[in-house]
Amino acid sequence: MGSAGPVVVTGASGHLGANLVRGLLAAGHEVRCVVRRDTRALDGLPVVRVSGDVLDPASLGAAFRGAEVVYHLAAVISLSGDPDGRVARVNVEGTRNVVEACRGAGVRRLVHFGSIHAAWTGDSGSRGLTDYDRSKAASLAVVAAAIAGGMDAVVVHPTSVLGPCDFKPSRQGDLVWRLATGRMPALLKGGFDWVDARDVAAGAIAAADRGGRGATYVLSGRYATLRELADWVEAASGVRAPRLAAPMGLAAIGAPIVEAWGRFRGTEPLFNRESLDALRHGQAFPHVEAARDLGYDPRPLEDTVADTVAWFRGRAAGGSPPPNSA
């Protein structure tokens, strides 16, 4: 059943946004999407597109007018630092603008998407955080202050996301597609907590409907090594997974070269020093509160991988293979 008024999604054209919009439509909601340029993820969907930017408060005021719930996903994701300050501007100032626009428009509830690493390791000054995680920790502080001031908001923290509708694609999606097409010469040791984008979308919708005011929910899946992930891709694609796993120390030595090559080509490298550090320290993140309050129950990761491979293959068959990273 849809809500009394329209719901608004910032960052609707990203991987999570694409799945959230589809989940909201399936639940009967009237969906309004704040969009900038790339709208491939929304093509053919019965949504209202509103041209806007989280750095433009006036555009947010127009987009949020009459909205029941705002899902704030728009962010700049970076594992390559923040050389021009855009990560901090969009993620921190953009969140501040979203909060103020929600207040001005009388939005009933804000659902803010956070960063699992920022949530798990503490404040924005914590050592070991990337510039991206620091920005997400600072944006979380903005939302926490708004909640303390009376705003009705909940926060969800997804882990590393996989799944279909990954149009750009994400770094994780590119990894799966490389494995599925035999273009990954070796693996790295380590792993992440992976989760299906569709399950994150369902968890966020449940948080909007049933989450406690001011509550924080981890929307995780399960921890798996890159070796396990590669084996599931092999089972789904029929393409043999790499048997070689490069030592982390060797990968760390080569990371600066990979990063430099990515800068030269103007593409995001498949791995760099920050992503290697995340791999090295990957862990499982429990979702006890989400299961208890929201009925959150993520699907088996093997099913997610199979669906991801099938979706990318469908795109490739239609003439739209994902671009390659450096």
Protein backbone atom coordinates (compact mmCIF):
# COMPACT_ATOMS: atom_id res chain seq x y z
CA MET A 1 0.00 0.00 0.00
CA GLY A 2 1.42 3.40 -0.93
CA SER A 3 1.74 6.31 1.46
CA ALA A 4 -0.71 9.25 1.65
CA GLY A 5 1.52 11.49 -0.46
CA PRO A 6 4.32 11.06 -2.98
CA VAL A 7 7.73 9.85 -1.91
CA VAL A 8 10.92 11.46 -3.17
CA VAL A 9 14.22 9.76 -3.96
CA THR A 10 17.51 11.63 -4.31
CA GLY A 11 20.22 9.62 -6.06
CA ALA A 12 17.51 7.68 -7.92
CA SER A 13 19.73 6.96 -10.93
CA GLY A 14 22.37 5.06 -8.94
CA HIS A 15 22.44 1.33 -8.27
CA LEU A 16 20.62 1.46 -4.95
CA GLY A 17 18.33 4.21 -6.19
CA ALA A 18 17.27 2.17 -9.22
CA ASN A 19 16.29 -0.76 -7.01
CA LEU A 20 14.60 1.44 -4.42
CA VAL A 21 12.47 3.19 -7.06
CA ARG A 22 11.34 -0.17 -8.44
CA GLY A 23 10.53 -1.41 -4.94
CA LEU A 24 8.51 1.72 -4.18
CA LEU A 25 6.56 1.43 -7.42
CA ALA A 26 5.82 -2.23 -6.71
CA ALA A 27 4.49 -1.18 -3.29
CA GLY A 28 2.08 1.26 -4.91
CA HIS A 29 3.84 4.54 -4.15
CA GLU A 30 3.80 7.65 -6.29
CA VAL A 31 7.51 8.27 -6.82
CA ARG A 32 9.23 11.56 -7.52
CA CYS A 33 12.92 11.36 -8.52
CA VAL A 34 15.43 14.18 -8.16
CA VAL A 35 17.67 13.81 -11.23
CA ARG A 36 20.66 15.57 -12.71
CA ARG A 37 22.00 14.02 -15.93
CA ASP A 38 22.22 10.23 -16.20
CA THR A 39 18.68 8.84 -16.04
CA ARG A 40 19.14 5.43 -17.72
CA ALA A 41 18.06 3.68 -14.52
CA LEU A 42 14.65 5.39 -14.74
CA ASP A 43 13.87 4.91 -18.42
CA GLY A 44 10.41 3.46 -18.94
CA LEU A 45 9.37 3.80 -15.30
CA PRO A 46 6.16 5.66 -14.29
CA VAL A 47 7.94 8.21 -12.10
CA VAL A 48 7.95 11.99 -11.94
CA ARG A 49 11.38 13.36 -12.74
CA VAL A 50 12.33 16.65 -11.12
CA SER A 51 15.52 18.35 -12.24
CA GLY A 52 17.50 19.13 -9.12
CA ASP A 53 20.75 18.95 -7.20
CA VAL A 54 21.41 18.50 -3.50
CA LEU A 55 23.73 21.52 -3.74
CA ASP A 56 20.82 23.65 -5.01
CA PRO A 57 18.43 24.22 -2.07
CA ALA A 58 15.79 25.88 -4.25
CA SER A 59 15.52 22.82 -6.49
CA LEU A 60 15.09 20.58 -3.44
CA GLY A 61 12.31 22.76 -2.05
CA ALA A 62 10.38 22.35 -5.30
CA ALA A 63 11.03 18.60 -5.43
CA PHE A 64 10.02 17.94 -1.82
CA ARG A 65 6.82 20.00 -1.81
CA GLY A 66 3.91 17.82 -0.66
CA ALA A 67 6.10 14.75 -0.12
CA GLU A 68 5.32 12.22 2.60
CA VAL A 69 8.78 10.59 2.76
CA VAL A 70 12.19 11.54 1.36
CA TYR A 71 14.79 8.85 0.75
CA HIS A 72 18.19 10.53 0.61
CA LEU A 73 20.68 8.43 -1.35
CA ALA A 74 22.50 11.07 -3.41
CA ALA A 75 26.22 10.98 -2.62
CA VAL A 76 29.60 11.01 -4.27
CA ILE A 77 31.25 7.64 -3.63
CA SER A 78 35.03 7.72 -3.78
CA LEU A 79 37.87 5.37 -2.95
CA SER A 80 40.35 7.85 -4.38
CA GLY A 81 40.26 10.61 -1.79
CA ASP A 82 38.62 14.00 -2.22
CA PRO A 83 41.09 16.11 -4.21
CA ASP A 84 38.63 18.83 -5.24
CA GLY A 85 36.38 18.77 -2.19
CA ARG A 86 33.32 17.58 -4.10
CA VAL A 87 32.90 14.47 -1.93
CA ALA A 88 32.55 16.60 1.21
CA ARG A 89 30.37 19.22 -0.49
CA VAL A 90 27.84 16.78 -1.87
CA ASN A 91 27.81 14.36 1.05
CA VAL A 92 27.83 16.88 3.90
CA GLU A 93 26.47 20.16 2.56
CA GLY A 94 24.08 18.25 0.32
CA THR A 95 22.69 16.39 3.33
CA ARG A 96 22.33 19.64 5.23
CA ASN A 97 20.35 21.06 2.31
CA VAL A 98 18.15 17.95 2.20
CA VAL A 99 17.41 18.25 5.93
CA GLU A 100 16.48 21.92 5.60
CA ALA A 101 14.34 21.24 2.54
CA CYS A 102 12.49 18.49 4.42
CA ARG A 103 11.78 20.91 7.23
CA GLY A 104 10.62 23.61 4.86
CA ALA A 105 8.33 21.25 2.93
CA GLY A 106 6.85 19.58 6.02
CA VAL A 107 8.07 16.11 5.00
CA ARG A 108 6.81 13.50 7.47
CA ARG A 109 9.95 11.31 7.51
CA LEU A 110 13.49 11.33 6.13
CA VAL A 111 15.25 8.04 5.39
CA HIS A 112 18.97 8.74 5.21
CA PHE A 113 21.41 6.27 3.65
CA GLY A 114 24.70 6.13 5.54
CA SER A 115 28.03 4.32 5.22
CA ILE A 116 28.65 1.11 7.11
CA HIS A 117 32.31 1.93 7.79
CA ALA A 118 31.55 5.41 9.06
CA ALA A 119 28.82 4.02 11.31
CA TRP A 120 30.98 1.21 12.65
CA THR A 121 34.17 3.12 13.34
CA GLY A 122 32.83 6.29 14.92
CA ASP A 123 33.04 10.00 14.20
CA SER A 124 34.35 11.83 11.15
CA GLY A 125 37.76 12.36 12.72
CA SER A 126 38.48 8.67 13.30
CA ARG A 127 41.76 7.40 11.95
CA GLY A 128 41.63 4.83 9.20
CA LEU A 129 38.52 6.27 7.56
CA THR A 130 38.61 7.25 3.90
CA ASP A 131 37.66 10.77 2.86
CA TYR A 132 34.37 9.31 1.67
CA ASP A 133 33.69 7.65 5.02
CA ARG A 134 34.60 10.85 6.87
CA SER A 135 32.12 12.74 4.73
CA LYS A 136 29.41 10.16 5.43
CA ALA A 137 30.17 10.29 9.15
CA ALA A 138 29.82 14.07 9.02
CA SER A 139 26.55 13.78 7.10
CA LEU A 140 25.31 11.34 9.74
CA ALA A 141 26.07 13.98 12.38
CA VAL A 142 23.93 16.46 10.42
CA VAL A 143 21.00 14.02 10.48
CA ALA A 144 21.56 13.19 14.17
CA ALA A 145 21.42 16.89 15.02
CA ALA A 146 18.19 17.23 13.05
CA ILE A 147 16.67 14.29 14.92
CA ALA A 148 17.72 15.84 18.23
CA GLY A 149 15.94 18.99 17.06
CA GLY A 150 12.68 17.15 16.49
CA MET A 151 12.92 15.82 12.93
CA ASP A 152 11.43 12.39 12.23
CA ALA A 153 14.23 10.51 10.49
CA VAL A 154 15.72 7.04 10.36
CA VAL A 155 19.13 5.95 9.08
CA VAL A 156 20.01 2.81 7.14
CA HIS A 157 23.54 1.54 6.59
CA PRO A 158 23.96 -0.89 3.66
CA THR A 159 27.10 -2.97 3.31
CA SER A 160 28.76 -3.73 -0.06
CA VAL A 161 25.96 -3.85 -2.62
CA LEU A 162 25.47 -6.33 -5.48
CA GLY A 163 22.47 -7.05 -7.66
CA PRO A 164 20.66 -6.17 -10.88
CA CYS A 165 19.76 -2.71 -12.22
CA ASP A 166 23.41 -1.65 -11.97
CA PHE A 167 23.45 0.60 -15.01
CA LYS A 168 26.69 2.59 -14.63
CA PRO A 169 27.92 0.06 -13.23
CA SER A 170 29.21 0.11 -9.65
CA ARG A 171 32.70 -1.05 -8.73
CA GLN A 172 31.19 -4.26 -7.34
CA GLY A 173 29.14 -4.82 -10.48
CA ASP A 174 32.18 -4.30 -12.66
CA LEU A 175 34.02 -6.92 -10.62
CA VAL A 176 31.23 -9.45 -11.18
CA TRP A 177 31.10 -8.70 -14.91
CA ARG A 178 34.86 -9.07 -15.26
CA LEU A 179 34.67 -12.45 -13.55
CA ALA A 180 31.71 -13.52 -15.69
CA THR A 181 33.58 -12.65 -18.89
CA GLY A 182 36.95 -14.11 -17.95
CA ARG A 183 38.73 -10.75 -17.72
CA MET A 184 39.97 -11.09 -14.16
CA PRO A 185 43.48 -12.61 -14.23
CA ALA A 186 43.76 -13.12 -10.48
CA LEU A 187 41.90 -12.65 -7.24
CA LEU A 188 42.89 -10.95 -4.03
CA LYS A 189 42.60 -12.37 -0.57
CA GLY A 190 40.06 -10.90 1.79
CA GLY A 191 36.37 -10.14 1.45
CA PHE A 192 33.39 -8.00 2.36
CA ASP A 193 29.93 -8.22 3.79
CA TRP A 194 27.85 -8.27 0.59
CA VAL A 195 24.12 -7.54 0.29
CA ASP A 196 21.52 -7.55 -2.46
CA ALA A 197 20.40 -4.09 -3.61
CA ARG A 198 16.79 -5.34 -3.70
CA ASP A 199 16.99 -6.38 -0.05
CA VAL A 200 18.44 -2.99 0.91
CA ALA A 201 15.55 -1.32 -0.93
CA ALA A 202 13.01 -3.48 0.92
CA GLY A 203 14.73 -2.70 4.23
CA ALA A 204 14.67 1.04 3.56
CA ILE A 205 10.97 0.97 2.64
CA ALA A 206 10.23 -0.97 5.84
CA ALA A 207 12.28 1.57 7.80
CA ALA A 208 10.15 4.38 6.40
CA ASP A 209 6.98 2.54 7.38
CA ARG A 210 7.92 0.85 10.65
CA GLY A 211 11.30 2.06 11.85
CA GLY A 212 11.53 3.92 15.12
CA ARG A 213 12.13 7.66 15.02
CA GLY A 214 15.87 8.25 15.25
CA ALA A 215 16.64 4.55 14.79
CA THR A 216 19.66 3.25 12.89
CA TYR A 217 19.48 -0.01 10.94
CA VAL A 218 22.34 -2.00 9.45
CA LEU A 219 21.18 -3.56 6.17
CA SER A 220 23.79 -6.24 5.65
CA GLY A 221 23.87 -9.61 3.91
CA ARG A 222 26.72 -11.97 4.72
CA TYR A 223 30.48 -11.95 4.67
CA ALA A 224 32.13 -13.76 1.77
CA THR A 225 35.67 -13.82 0.43
CA LEU A 226 36.47 -12.85 -3.13
CA ARG A 227 37.21 -16.54 -3.73
CA GLU A 228 33.67 -17.47 -2.70
CA LEU A 229 32.24 -14.68 -4.84
CA ALA A 230 34.29 -15.82 -7.85
CA ASP A 231 33.13 -19.41 -7.41
CA TRP A 232 29.48 -18.29 -7.40
CA VAL A 233 30.08 -16.22 -10.54
CA GLU A 234 31.64 -19.29 -12.16
CA ALA A 235 28.59 -21.39 -11.27
CA ALA A 236 26.26 -18.74 -12.72
CA SER A 237 28.24 -17.92 -15.85
CA GLY A 238 30.07 -21.12 -16.72
CA VAL A 239 33.28 -19.09 -17.00
CA ARG A 240 36.16 -20.49 -15.00
CA ALA A 241 37.16 -18.35 -12.05
CA PRO A 242 40.82 -17.34 -11.59
CA ARG A 243 42.74 -19.88 -9.56
CA LEU A 244 45.53 -17.49 -8.59
CA ALA A 245 45.05 -15.29 -5.52
CA ALA A 246 47.63 -12.49 -5.43
CA PRO A 247 49.14 -11.78 -2.01
CA MET A 248 47.85 -8.58 -0.46
CA GLY A 249 51.39 -7.27 -0.08
CA LEU A 250 52.06 -7.63 -3.79
CA ALA A 251 48.77 -5.94 -4.65
CA ALA A 252 49.63 -3.06 -2.33
CA ILE A 253 52.93 -2.55 -4.14
CA GLY A 254 51.13 -2.44 -7.48
CA ALA A 255 48.24 -0.24 -6.34
CA PRO A 256 49.95 3.11 -7.08
CA ILE A 257 50.60 1.96 -10.66
CA VAL A 258 46.98 0.88 -11.09
CA GLU A 259 45.79 4.20 -9.67
CA ALA A 260 48.07 6.18 -11.98
CA TRP A 261 46.85 4.21 -14.99
CA GLY A 262 43.26 4.91 -13.99
CA ARG A 263 43.95 8.65 -13.74
CA PHE A 264 45.62 8.57 -17.16
CA ARG A 265 42.58 6.86 -18.71
CA GLY A 266 40.10 8.93 -16.73
CA THR A 267 38.50 5.82 -15.21
CA GLU A 268 38.06 4.42 -11.73
CA PRO A 269 40.65 1.69 -11.05
CA LEU A 270 39.35 -1.73 -10.12
CA PHE A 271 41.41 -1.55 -6.92
CA ASN A 272 43.57 0.98 -5.14
CA ARG A 273 45.10 1.43 -1.71
CA GLU A 274 41.79 2.34 -0.08
CA SER A 275 39.86 -0.59 -1.55
CA LEU A 276 42.68 -2.97 -0.61
CA ASP A 277 42.48 -1.74 2.96
CA ALA A 278 38.71 -2.35 2.97
CA LEU A 279 39.29 -5.89 1.65
CA ARG A 280 41.96 -6.60 4.25
CA HIS A 281 39.71 -5.51 7.10
CA GLY A 282 36.42 -6.84 5.76
CA GLN A 283 34.07 -8.35 8.32
CA ALA A 284 30.49 -9.48 8.86
CA PHE A 285 28.02 -6.87 10.09
CA PRO A 286 24.99 -8.16 12.03
CA HIS A 287 21.51 -6.86 11.19
CA VAL A 288 19.74 -7.87 14.39
CA GLU A 289 17.77 -4.62 14.82
CA ALA A 290 16.62 -4.60 11.21
CA ALA A 291 15.46 -8.20 11.47
CA ARG A 292 13.61 -7.50 14.72
CA ASP A 293 11.94 -4.19 13.80
CA LEU A 294 11.60 -4.41 10.04
CA GLY A 295 11.35 -8.12 9.29
CA TYR A 296 14.56 -7.74 7.29
CA ASP A 297 15.68 -11.09 5.84
CA PRO A 298 18.25 -10.87 3.00
CA ARG A 299 18.27 -13.59 0.37
CA PRO A 300 21.13 -16.08 -0.17
CA LEU A 301 24.14 -14.38 -1.70
CA GLU A 302 24.48 -17.12 -4.31
CA ASP A 303 21.06 -16.08 -5.70
CA THR A 304 22.15 -12.44 -5.80
CA VAL A 305 25.27 -13.30 -7.77
CA ALA A 306 23.31 -15.43 -10.25
CA ASP A 307 20.76 -12.65 -10.78
CA THR A 308 23.53 -10.07 -11.21
CA VAL A 309 25.27 -12.14 -13.87
CA ALA A 310 21.96 -12.72 -15.67
CA TRP A 311 21.13 -9.01 -15.63
CA PHE A 312 24.51 -7.98 -17.04
CA ARG A 313 24.24 -10.66 -19.71
CA GLY A 314 20.83 -9.33 -20.68
CA ARG A 315 22.26 -5.83 -21.00
CA ALA A 316 25.16 -7.11 -23.09
CA ALA A 317 22.79 -9.05 -25.35
CA GLY A 318 20.83 -5.85 -25.87
CA GLY A 319 23.97 -4.00 -26.95
CA SER A 320 24.66 -2.21 -23.68
CA PRO A 321 27.59 -3.95 -21.95
CA PRO A 322 28.92 -2.19 -18.87
CA PRO A 323 31.98 -0.01 -19.37
CA ASN A 324 35.33 -1.35 -18.28
CA SER A 325 37.26 0.09 -15.35
CA ALA A 326 41.00 0.64 -15.47
